[in-house]
Amino acid sequence: MGIYHFIAIGGIGMSGLAKYLLEEGHTVSGSDIEDSKYINALRELGAKVFIGHDENNVPENATIVVSTAIRESNPELKKAKSLGLKIYHRSDLLAEISRNAQKNNKIFIGFSGTHGKTTTSGLASYVTEKSGLKPSFVDGGIVPEIHTNAQHKDGKYFIAELDESDGTIVKYSPDILVINNLEEDHLDFYKNGMSDLIKTFEFAVSNSKKVLVNIDNEGNKLLKGNFITFSLKSDADYIAKNIISGKEFTTFDIVHKSSTLTSVKIQLAGIHNIYNTLAVIAALNEAGVEINRIIPYFSQFTGMGRRFQKVCEFNGFSVYDDYAHHPTEIKATLDAAAQKFGKENIVAVFQPHRYTRLKGLWNEFKNAFDNTSRVIVTDVYAASEDKIEGISGEAFSKENNRFEYISGDMAEVAKSLLPTLKSGNIVIGLGAGTITKLGKELETAGKLHVFN
């Protein structure tokens, strides 16, 4: 067994990898700038975690695990290099875990694409676990009821979310690769936009045994290869038909090569979640899972953490948290919310994530908020990026007379927003940064009666 030290162990991706290694029997330590529930869970499994980065935290015989966010100036990274230790990017570790799973005769199913990979990997993990198949998985969010983002078990399947944001998807060789969709994003890495993204995914396709592709997506149509296809609109290997959408559930049939494979019911709203469900059923069917064994659990899946997740309700309004930080994701979330609650009740609070994304997709963001009654724009969450002149939350808020700008941290946003909310409002925080604190800050402001 190995010894691993994680620099910034508390993030959703890093903590999942650390948990997986602990359950495999490895020795794990790590550090982060603050405590969290993820870190506490790792401590309970036996990890030694330091708060604060210090060169003395680094074991002399460990493999060091870092994410893209860790800078060369980090004292633990500098110490590891001076000791000549092996340094893994988190994608290197996930690739090693996946190879070991395959050596142990597990079928490796990877979910990727610009949108939906957390929901699809989490849904696949959920239904296989709930049906008793004992999957191993590493997902990018907390799976409901299971209350974890990763586990190591002795079942036949290894499921993982494969991140494309920094090109590291080329490191994996899944037995089944699912590509939900492809759109311009992560323009800090993909400098030439779609052309760079397509080149990366064509390399990933060449590494995979089977590739499932949503052929309704325009970006996916640029890919070349021999694919298993799924669709809501066209002839494909897997098709969703007879879709009936209600306020509580959506039902539809799945046709596989002209024969009805199954019928399914889901409580997740929005057409994007029909695609997500179709992708999961198609992938698991290709992996040899008995579909009727897993179908009952689709209707029980409430969604991944930070995916249209209800965080609080008081004073007659509800607050939801959603990780959407790309225009297509935001539009999908707001369309689903409007279908469920009515456009007139939706108050979107948008925290732009990264200056490069806001600049590169400026016009797309402008058109993503139609299904709302109000749009609140906050300051940009930089995610370690430097500012770009002329690109800011305040500047973006001037693009539409329905957009309102509130400056400051989430506590200040909540303090300003709270007295303007009405009974029946559905407040949805949108973004990948500190916007996740909005519900808590609104509750705090409400308890303190801060209305000025």
Protein backbone atom coordinates (compact mmCIF):
# COMPACT_ATOMS: atom_id res chain seq x y z
CA MET A 1 0.00 0.00 0.00
CA GLY A 2 1.12 3.54 -0.74
CA ILE A 3 1.54 6.79 1.17
CA TYR A 4 -0.14 9.87 -0.33
CA HIS A 5 -0.15 13.54 0.66
CA PHE A 6 -2.78 15.88 -0.85
CA ILE A 7 -2.09 19.62 -1.12
CA ALA A 8 -5.57 21.22 -0.82
CA ILE A 9 -7.27 18.01 0.26
CA GLY A 10 -10.63 19.59 1.11
CA GLY A 11 -12.01 20.27 -2.37
CA ILE A 12 -14.79 18.12 -3.78
CA GLY A 13 -12.49 16.40 -6.30
CA MET A 14 -9.42 15.96 -4.11
CA SER A 15 -11.40 14.75 -1.09
CA GLY A 16 -13.07 12.09 -3.20
CA LEU A 17 -9.75 10.70 -4.38
CA ALA A 18 -8.41 10.75 -0.82
CA LYS A 19 -11.47 8.88 0.46
CA TYR A 20 -11.09 6.25 -2.26
CA LEU A 21 -7.46 5.65 -1.32
CA LEU A 22 -8.30 5.40 2.38
CA GLU A 23 -10.95 2.77 1.65
CA GLU A 24 -8.40 0.87 -0.44
CA GLY A 25 -6.11 0.77 2.61
CA HIS A 26 -3.51 3.43 1.72
CA THR A 27 -2.02 5.95 4.16
CA VAL A 28 -3.32 9.46 3.43
CA SER A 29 -2.40 12.90 4.75
CA GLY A 30 -3.10 16.37 3.44
CA SER A 31 -3.47 20.07 4.05
CA ASP A 32 -5.89 22.88 3.30
CA ILE A 33 -6.43 26.49 4.26
CA GLU A 34 -9.59 25.79 6.31
CA ASP A 35 -11.56 22.95 7.83
CA SER A 36 -14.64 21.53 6.14
CA LYS A 37 -17.13 18.69 6.39
CA TYR A 38 -15.16 16.85 3.70
CA ILE A 39 -11.98 17.09 5.77
CA ASN A 40 -13.77 15.88 8.89
CA ALA A 41 -15.07 12.86 6.99
CA LEU A 42 -11.50 12.05 5.86
CA ARG A 43 -10.22 12.34 9.42
CA GLU A 44 -12.84 9.83 10.55
CA LEU A 45 -11.43 7.40 7.96
CA GLY A 46 -7.90 7.85 9.32
CA ALA A 47 -6.42 10.72 7.30
CA LYS A 48 -4.05 13.17 9.00
CA VAL A 49 -5.02 16.67 7.83
CA PHE A 50 -3.21 19.93 8.58
CA ILE A 51 -4.88 23.33 8.41
CA GLY A 52 -2.51 25.67 6.62
CA HIS A 53 0.20 24.93 4.07
CA ASP A 54 3.65 24.33 5.56
CA GLU A 55 6.68 22.47 4.23
CA ASN A 56 6.83 20.47 7.48
CA ASN A 57 3.47 18.84 6.59
CA VAL A 58 5.08 16.83 3.79
CA PRO A 59 6.00 13.18 4.58
CA GLU A 60 9.41 12.29 3.20
CA ASN A 61 8.27 9.13 1.44
CA ALA A 62 4.88 10.15 0.04
CA THR A 63 3.43 10.57 -3.42
CA ILE A 64 2.21 14.18 -3.60
CA VAL A 65 -1.17 14.94 -5.17
CA VAL A 66 -1.98 18.44 -6.47
CA SER A 67 -4.73 20.10 -8.50
CA THR A 68 -4.35 22.67 -11.27
CA ALA A 69 -5.02 25.41 -8.70
CA ILE A 70 -1.79 24.73 -6.75
CA ARG A 71 0.87 27.26 -7.67
CA GLU A 72 4.60 26.65 -7.92
CA SER A 73 5.15 28.93 -4.91
CA ASN A 74 3.22 26.61 -2.56
CA PRO A 75 5.66 25.68 0.26
CA GLU A 76 4.59 22.02 0.32
CA LEU A 77 5.03 21.66 -3.42
CA LYS A 78 8.47 23.31 -3.23
CA LYS A 79 9.45 20.93 -0.41
CA ALA A 80 8.23 17.90 -2.36
CA LYS A 81 10.34 18.93 -5.35
CA SER A 82 13.40 19.47 -3.19
CA LEU A 83 12.96 15.92 -1.81
CA GLY A 84 12.54 14.50 -5.31
CA LEU A 85 9.11 13.05 -4.47
CA LYS A 86 6.72 11.77 -7.10
CA ILE A 87 4.15 14.48 -7.84
CA TYR A 88 0.78 13.58 -9.31
CA HIS A 89 -1.79 15.91 -10.72
CA ARG A 90 -5.16 14.70 -9.43
CA SER A 91 -5.95 13.42 -12.95
CA ASP A 92 -2.82 11.23 -12.82
CA LEU A 93 -4.09 9.67 -9.62
CA LEU A 94 -7.58 9.09 -11.02
CA ALA A 95 -6.02 7.52 -14.11
CA GLU A 96 -3.94 5.20 -11.90
CA ILE A 97 -7.02 4.28 -9.84
CA SER A 98 -8.98 3.51 -13.01
CA ARG A 99 -6.19 1.32 -14.41
CA ASN A 100 -6.03 -0.62 -11.15
CA ALA A 101 -9.80 -1.06 -11.25
CA GLN A 102 -9.56 -2.47 -14.78
CA LYS A 103 -6.73 -4.82 -13.72
CA ASN A 104 -9.15 -6.11 -11.09
CA ASN A 105 -11.71 -6.82 -13.84
CA LYS A 106 -13.94 -3.83 -13.14
CA ILE A 107 -15.66 -2.17 -16.10
CA PHE A 108 -14.58 1.49 -16.21
CA ILE A 109 -17.41 3.85 -17.23
CA GLY A 110 -16.40 7.50 -17.65
CA PHE A 111 -18.79 10.42 -18.06
CA SER A 112 -17.58 13.61 -19.70
CA GLY A 113 -18.58 16.60 -21.81
CA THR A 114 -19.01 20.29 -21.12
CA HIS A 115 -22.21 19.84 -19.09
CA GLY A 116 -23.91 17.10 -17.13
CA LYS A 117 -20.94 14.93 -16.22
CA THR A 118 -21.44 15.29 -12.46
CA THR A 119 -25.14 14.45 -12.70
CA THR A 120 -24.64 11.50 -15.06
CA SER A 121 -21.74 9.97 -13.11
CA GLY A 122 -23.63 10.53 -9.86
CA LEU A 123 -26.87 9.08 -11.21
CA ALA A 124 -25.03 6.00 -12.50
CA SER A 125 -23.34 5.60 -9.11
CA TYR A 126 -26.64 6.03 -7.28
CA VAL A 127 -28.74 3.51 -9.21
CA THR A 128 -26.02 0.85 -9.23
CA GLU A 129 -25.39 1.28 -5.50
CA LYS A 130 -29.09 1.33 -4.56
CA SER A 131 -29.71 -1.81 -6.62
CA GLY A 132 -27.00 -3.71 -4.75
CA LEU A 133 -24.31 -3.79 -7.45
CA LYS A 134 -21.68 -2.34 -5.08
CA PRO A 135 -19.97 0.02 -7.56
CA SER A 136 -16.74 1.86 -6.97
CA PHE A 137 -16.92 5.50 -8.02
CA VAL A 138 -15.26 8.91 -7.95
CA ASP A 139 -17.74 11.68 -8.77
CA GLY A 140 -17.58 15.46 -8.81
CA GLY A 141 -20.41 15.96 -6.33
CA ILE A 142 -22.12 14.40 -3.33
CA VAL A 143 -24.44 11.54 -4.29
CA PRO A 144 -27.82 11.86 -2.50
CA GLU A 145 -28.66 9.36 0.26
CA ILE A 146 -25.19 7.81 -0.09
CA HIS A 147 -23.76 11.14 1.18
CA THR A 148 -20.38 10.77 -0.47
CA ASN A 149 -18.55 11.65 -3.67
CA ALA A 150 -16.48 8.45 -3.77
CA GLN A 151 -16.36 4.89 -2.58
CA HIS A 152 -14.33 1.72 -3.11
CA LYS A 153 -16.35 -1.52 -3.17
CA ASP A 154 -15.94 -4.96 -4.68
CA GLY A 155 -18.62 -4.77 -7.40
CA LYS A 156 -18.08 -5.10 -11.13
CA TYR A 157 -18.23 -1.40 -12.07
CA PHE A 158 -15.94 1.61 -11.64
CA ILE A 159 -17.68 4.91 -12.45
CA ALA A 160 -15.96 8.29 -12.71
CA GLU A 161 -16.51 11.85 -13.79
CA LEU A 162 -13.78 12.76 -16.28
CA ASP A 163 -12.94 16.46 -16.29
CA GLU A 164 -12.15 18.12 -19.60
CA SER A 165 -11.38 21.62 -18.25
CA ASP A 166 -7.58 21.30 -18.45
CA GLY A 167 -7.22 18.66 -21.17
CA THR A 168 -6.47 15.84 -18.74
CA ILE A 169 -9.27 13.67 -20.12
CA VAL A 170 -6.66 12.29 -22.54
CA LYS A 171 -5.06 10.38 -19.63
CA TYR A 172 -7.91 7.86 -19.28
CA SER A 173 -8.76 4.67 -21.17
CA PRO A 174 -12.35 3.85 -20.19
CA ASP A 175 -14.17 0.76 -21.33
CA ILE A 176 -17.16 3.04 -21.94
CA LEU A 177 -16.84 6.80 -22.47
CA VAL A 178 -19.99 8.95 -22.47
CA ILE A 179 -19.79 12.38 -24.12
CA ASN A 180 -22.87 14.34 -23.11
CA ASN A 181 -22.15 17.47 -25.14
CA LEU A 182 -19.34 19.77 -26.25
CA GLU A 183 -19.38 23.57 -26.16
CA GLU A 184 -16.87 26.39 -25.88
CA ASP A 185 -15.72 26.74 -22.28
CA HIS A 186 -12.50 26.88 -20.25
CA LEU A 187 -11.12 29.40 -22.73
CA ASP A 188 -8.15 30.00 -20.45
CA PHE A 189 -6.97 26.52 -21.51
CA TYR A 190 -8.63 25.99 -24.91
CA LYS A 191 -7.17 29.11 -26.51
CA ASN A 192 -8.60 28.27 -29.96
CA GLY A 193 -12.03 27.39 -28.62
CA MET A 194 -13.89 24.49 -30.20
CA SER A 195 -11.06 23.39 -32.47
CA ASP A 196 -8.80 22.70 -29.48
CA LEU A 197 -11.64 21.04 -27.56
CA ILE A 198 -12.46 18.71 -30.46
CA LYS A 199 -8.81 17.70 -30.86
CA THR A 200 -8.66 16.82 -27.17
CA PHE A 201 -11.83 14.74 -27.30
CA GLU A 202 -10.81 12.93 -30.47
CA PHE A 203 -7.69 11.83 -28.60
CA ALA A 204 -9.89 10.71 -25.68
CA VAL A 205 -12.14 8.81 -28.11
CA SER A 206 -9.12 6.97 -29.52
CA ASN A 207 -8.26 5.78 -25.98
CA SER A 208 -11.73 4.34 -25.30
CA LYS A 209 -13.21 0.94 -26.16
CA LYS A 210 -16.84 2.12 -26.56
CA VAL A 211 -17.97 5.73 -26.97
CA LEU A 212 -21.54 6.91 -26.43
CA VAL A 213 -22.40 10.29 -27.96
CA ASN A 214 -25.44 12.57 -27.80
CA ILE A 215 -25.95 13.28 -31.50
CA ASP A 216 -28.43 16.11 -30.86
CA ASN A 217 -25.58 18.30 -29.63
CA GLU A 218 -23.96 20.51 -32.29
CA GLY A 219 -20.49 20.26 -30.76
CA ASN A 220 -20.62 16.47 -30.69
CA LYS A 221 -21.41 16.48 -34.41
CA LEU A 222 -17.87 17.77 -35.02
CA LEU A 223 -16.38 14.57 -33.57
CA LYS A 224 -15.25 11.80 -35.90
CA GLY A 225 -15.40 8.17 -34.96
CA ASN A 226 -17.45 5.02 -34.56
CA PHE A 227 -20.00 5.86 -31.90
CA ILE A 228 -22.96 4.39 -30.08
CA THR A 229 -25.51 7.19 -30.32
CA PHE A 230 -28.36 8.54 -28.19
CA SER A 231 -30.94 11.18 -29.02
CA LEU A 232 -34.33 12.74 -28.34
CA LYS A 233 -34.79 13.98 -31.90
CA SER A 234 -33.07 11.72 -34.42
CA ASP A 235 -32.54 8.11 -35.38
CA ALA A 236 -30.00 6.72 -32.92
CA ASP A 237 -29.07 3.52 -31.11
CA TYR A 238 -30.88 4.80 -28.00
CA ILE A 239 -33.86 7.16 -28.26
CA ALA A 240 -36.13 8.72 -25.60
CA LYS A 241 -39.74 8.72 -26.81
CA ASN A 242 -43.25 9.39 -25.49
CA ILE A 243 -42.03 12.03 -23.07
CA ILE A 244 -44.64 13.24 -20.58
CA SER A 245 -43.52 16.08 -18.29
CA GLY A 246 -45.46 16.88 -15.13
CA LYS A 247 -44.80 19.10 -12.12
CA GLU A 248 -43.60 16.20 -9.99
CA PHE A 249 -42.28 13.59 -12.44
CA THR A 250 -41.28 13.12 -16.07
CA THR A 251 -41.86 9.75 -17.74
CA PHE A 252 -40.59 8.40 -21.06
CA ASP A 253 -39.73 5.25 -22.97
CA ILE A 254 -36.25 4.30 -24.12
CA VAL A 255 -36.03 2.58 -27.48
CA HIS A 256 -32.89 0.60 -28.29
CA LYS A 257 -32.43 -0.37 -31.93
CA SER A 258 -36.18 -0.16 -32.70
CA SER A 259 -37.29 -2.12 -29.62
CA THR A 260 -38.51 -0.64 -26.34
CA LEU A 261 -35.80 -1.30 -23.79
CA THR A 262 -37.59 0.16 -20.77
CA SER A 263 -39.80 2.93 -19.43
CA VAL A 264 -38.48 5.28 -16.77
CA LYS A 265 -39.77 7.92 -14.35
CA ILE A 266 -37.61 10.74 -12.97
CA GLN A 267 -38.26 13.63 -10.60
CA LEU A 268 -35.50 15.82 -12.05
CA ALA A 269 -36.98 18.65 -14.12
CA GLY A 270 -35.80 19.88 -17.51
CA ILE A 271 -35.00 18.39 -20.88
CA HIS A 272 -31.30 18.22 -19.95
CA ASN A 273 -32.16 15.65 -17.30
CA ILE A 274 -33.96 13.50 -19.87
CA TYR A 275 -30.69 13.48 -21.80
CA ASN A 276 -28.77 12.71 -18.60
CA THR A 277 -31.05 9.76 -17.77
CA LEU A 278 -30.88 8.45 -21.33
CA ALA A 279 -27.07 8.63 -21.26
CA VAL A 280 -26.87 6.68 -18.00
CA ILE A 281 -29.28 3.94 -19.06
CA ALA A 282 -27.51 3.56 -22.41
CA ALA A 283 -24.08 3.36 -20.75
CA LEU A 284 -25.16 0.85 -18.12
CA ASN A 285 -26.93 -1.27 -20.72
CA GLU A 286 -23.72 -1.33 -22.79
CA ALA A 287 -21.84 -2.33 -19.63
CA GLY A 288 -24.08 -5.37 -19.20
CA VAL A 289 -26.20 -4.16 -16.29
CA GLU A 290 -29.65 -5.74 -16.05
CA ILE A 291 -31.72 -2.63 -16.75
CA ASN A 292 -34.89 -3.70 -14.93
CA ARG A 293 -32.80 -4.08 -11.77
CA ILE A 294 -31.86 -0.38 -11.71
CA ILE A 295 -34.95 1.30 -13.22
CA PRO A 296 -36.93 1.67 -9.93
CA TYR A 297 -34.21 3.86 -8.45
CA PHE A 298 -34.25 6.57 -11.13
CA SER A 299 -37.46 8.01 -9.70
CA GLN A 300 -35.83 8.25 -6.25
CA PHE A 301 -32.80 10.26 -7.39
CA THR A 302 -33.13 13.84 -6.14
CA GLY A 303 -30.07 15.29 -7.85
CA MET A 304 -26.42 15.82 -6.97
CA GLY A 305 -25.25 18.27 -4.35
CA ARG A 306 -25.22 21.83 -5.74
CA ARG A 307 -27.43 20.81 -8.69
CA PHE A 308 -30.67 22.74 -8.12
CA GLN A 309 -30.37 21.83 -4.44
CA LYS A 310 -32.84 23.37 -2.01
CA VAL A 311 -30.84 24.85 0.86
CA CYS A 312 -33.41 26.73 2.93
CA GLU A 313 -36.94 28.09 3.12
CA PHE A 314 -38.21 30.95 5.28
CA ASN A 315 -40.26 34.17 5.13
CA GLY A 316 -42.33 32.56 2.38
CA PHE A 317 -39.51 32.13 -0.14
CA SER A 318 -37.17 29.25 -0.99
CA VAL A 319 -33.45 29.33 -1.78
CA TYR A 320 -31.76 26.89 -4.17
CA ASP A 321 -28.07 26.41 -4.91
CA ASP A 322 -26.86 25.44 -8.37
CA TYR A 323 -23.34 24.93 -9.71
CA ALA A 324 -24.28 26.23 -13.19
CA HIS A 325 -21.56 28.61 -14.34
CA HIS A 326 -21.79 28.30 -18.14
CA PRO A 327 -24.60 29.97 -20.15
CA THR A 328 -26.03 26.65 -21.35
CA GLU A 329 -26.08 25.27 -17.81
CA ILE A 330 -27.70 28.43 -16.45
CA LYS A 331 -30.38 28.41 -19.13
CA ALA A 332 -31.13 24.72 -18.51
CA THR A 333 -31.46 25.28 -14.74
CA LEU A 334 -33.70 28.33 -15.14
CA ASP A 335 -35.87 26.66 -17.79
CA ALA A 336 -36.40 23.69 -15.45
CA ALA A 337 -37.15 26.00 -12.52
CA ALA A 338 -39.66 28.00 -14.56
CA GLN A 339 -41.37 24.78 -15.63
CA LYS A 340 -41.72 23.76 -12.00
CA PHE A 341 -42.41 27.10 -10.27
CA GLY A 342 -43.35 29.63 -12.95
CA LYS A 343 -41.07 32.25 -14.52
CA GLU A 344 -42.68 35.07 -12.54
CA ASN A 345 -41.36 33.62 -9.25
CA ILE A 346 -37.71 33.07 -10.24
CA VAL A 347 -35.01 35.36 -8.81
CA ALA A 348 -31.60 34.42 -10.21
CA VAL A 349 -28.45 35.46 -8.33
CA PHE A 350 -25.53 35.06 -10.72
CA GLN A 351 -21.91 35.07 -9.58
CA PRO A 352 -19.74 35.05 -12.73
CA HIS A 353 -16.98 32.45 -12.40
CA ARG A 354 -13.61 33.46 -13.88
CA TYR A 355 -12.91 36.63 -15.85
CA THR A 356 -11.87 34.63 -18.92
CA ARG A 357 -15.20 32.77 -19.03
CA LEU A 358 -17.27 35.94 -18.61
CA LYS A 359 -15.25 37.68 -21.34
CA GLY A 360 -15.30 34.76 -23.76
CA LEU A 361 -19.02 33.99 -23.38
CA TRP A 362 -20.31 37.53 -22.68
CA ASN A 363 -23.12 37.50 -25.24
CA GLU A 364 -24.15 33.94 -24.39
CA PHE A 365 -24.47 34.91 -20.72
CA LYS A 366 -26.61 37.92 -21.69
CA ASN A 367 -29.17 35.60 -23.27
CA ALA A 368 -29.23 32.93 -20.54
CA PHE A 369 -31.66 34.57 -18.12
CA ASP A 370 -34.95 34.81 -20.02
CA ASN A 371 -36.88 32.54 -17.65
CA THR A 372 -36.60 34.82 -14.62
CA SER A 373 -38.44 37.71 -13.03
CA ARG A 374 -35.22 39.27 -11.68
CA VAL A 375 -31.48 38.80 -12.18
CA ILE A 376 -28.98 39.84 -9.50
CA VAL A 377 -25.34 40.01 -10.65
CA THR A 378 -22.52 39.89 -8.09
CA ASP A 379 -18.80 40.49 -8.38
CA VAL A 380 -16.76 37.96 -10.36
CA TYR A 381 -15.35 34.96 -8.50
CA ALA A 382 -11.80 35.04 -9.86
CA ALA A 383 -10.77 31.42 -9.10
CA SER A 384 -7.11 32.56 -8.93
CA GLU A 385 -7.31 34.52 -12.22
CA ASP A 386 -6.12 38.09 -12.60
CA LYS A 387 -8.67 40.79 -13.39
CA ILE A 388 -9.36 41.72 -17.01
CA GLU A 389 -9.97 45.40 -17.72
CA GLY A 390 -13.62 46.12 -18.55
CA ILE A 391 -14.81 42.67 -17.44
CA SER A 392 -16.73 42.73 -14.16
CA GLY A 393 -20.06 41.91 -12.60
CA GLU A 394 -20.94 45.58 -12.56
CA ALA A 395 -20.18 46.02 -16.26
CA PHE A 396 -22.15 42.90 -17.13
CA SER A 397 -25.17 44.08 -15.11
CA LYS A 398 -25.48 47.08 -17.45
CA GLU A 399 -26.17 44.78 -20.42
CA ASN A 400 -29.88 44.41 -19.58
CA ASN A 401 -32.27 46.68 -17.71
CA ARG A 402 -33.55 43.65 -15.75
CA PHE A 403 -30.07 42.99 -14.33
CA GLU A 404 -29.28 44.42 -10.88
CA TYR A 405 -25.73 44.65 -9.52
CA ILE A 406 -24.90 44.02 -5.84
CA SER A 407 -21.27 44.34 -4.80
CA GLY A 408 -19.36 42.77 -1.94
CA ASP A 409 -19.10 39.32 -0.40
CA MET A 410 -22.05 36.95 -0.01
CA ALA A 411 -22.97 38.36 3.40
CA GLU A 412 -23.28 41.82 1.85
CA VAL A 413 -25.21 40.46 -1.14
CA ALA A 414 -27.65 38.69 1.20
CA LYS A 415 -28.08 41.79 3.37
CA SER A 416 -29.00 43.90 0.32
CA LEU A 417 -31.16 41.26 -1.33
CA LEU A 418 -33.24 40.06 1.62
CA PRO A 419 -35.60 43.06 2.06
CA THR A 420 -36.48 42.99 -1.65
CA LEU A 421 -37.66 39.36 -1.66
CA LYS A 422 -41.36 38.46 -1.66
CA SER A 423 -43.36 35.47 -0.49
CA GLY A 424 -43.40 32.89 -3.26
CA ASN A 425 -40.01 33.88 -4.70
CA ILE A 426 -37.69 31.07 -5.75
CA VAL A 427 -34.14 32.36 -5.27
CA ILE A 428 -31.52 30.45 -7.24
CA GLY A 429 -27.81 31.04 -6.63
CA LEU A 430 -25.85 30.28 -9.81
CA GLY A 431 -22.10 29.77 -9.98
CA ALA A 432 -19.07 27.72 -8.96
CA GLY A 433 -17.68 30.04 -6.30
CA THR A 434 -18.82 31.49 -2.98
CA ILE A 435 -22.41 31.81 -4.24
CA THR A 436 -22.97 28.48 -2.49
CA LYS A 437 -23.03 30.47 0.79
CA LEU A 438 -26.00 32.60 -0.31
CA GLY A 439 -28.72 30.54 1.42
CA LYS A 440 -26.83 30.47 4.71
CA GLU A 441 -26.16 34.21 4.54
CA LEU A 442 -29.82 34.97 3.78
CA GLU A 443 -30.84 32.88 6.78
CA THR A 444 -28.33 34.69 8.97
CA ALA A 445 -29.49 38.10 7.76
CA GLY A 446 -33.10 37.09 8.37
CA LYS A 447 -32.41 35.94 11.94
CA LEU A 448 -30.56 39.15 12.66
CA HIS A 449 -33.39 41.19 11.13
CA VAL A 450 -30.95 43.01 8.91
CA PHE A 451 -33.21 44.94 6.55
CA ASN A 452 -31.22 48.05 5.74
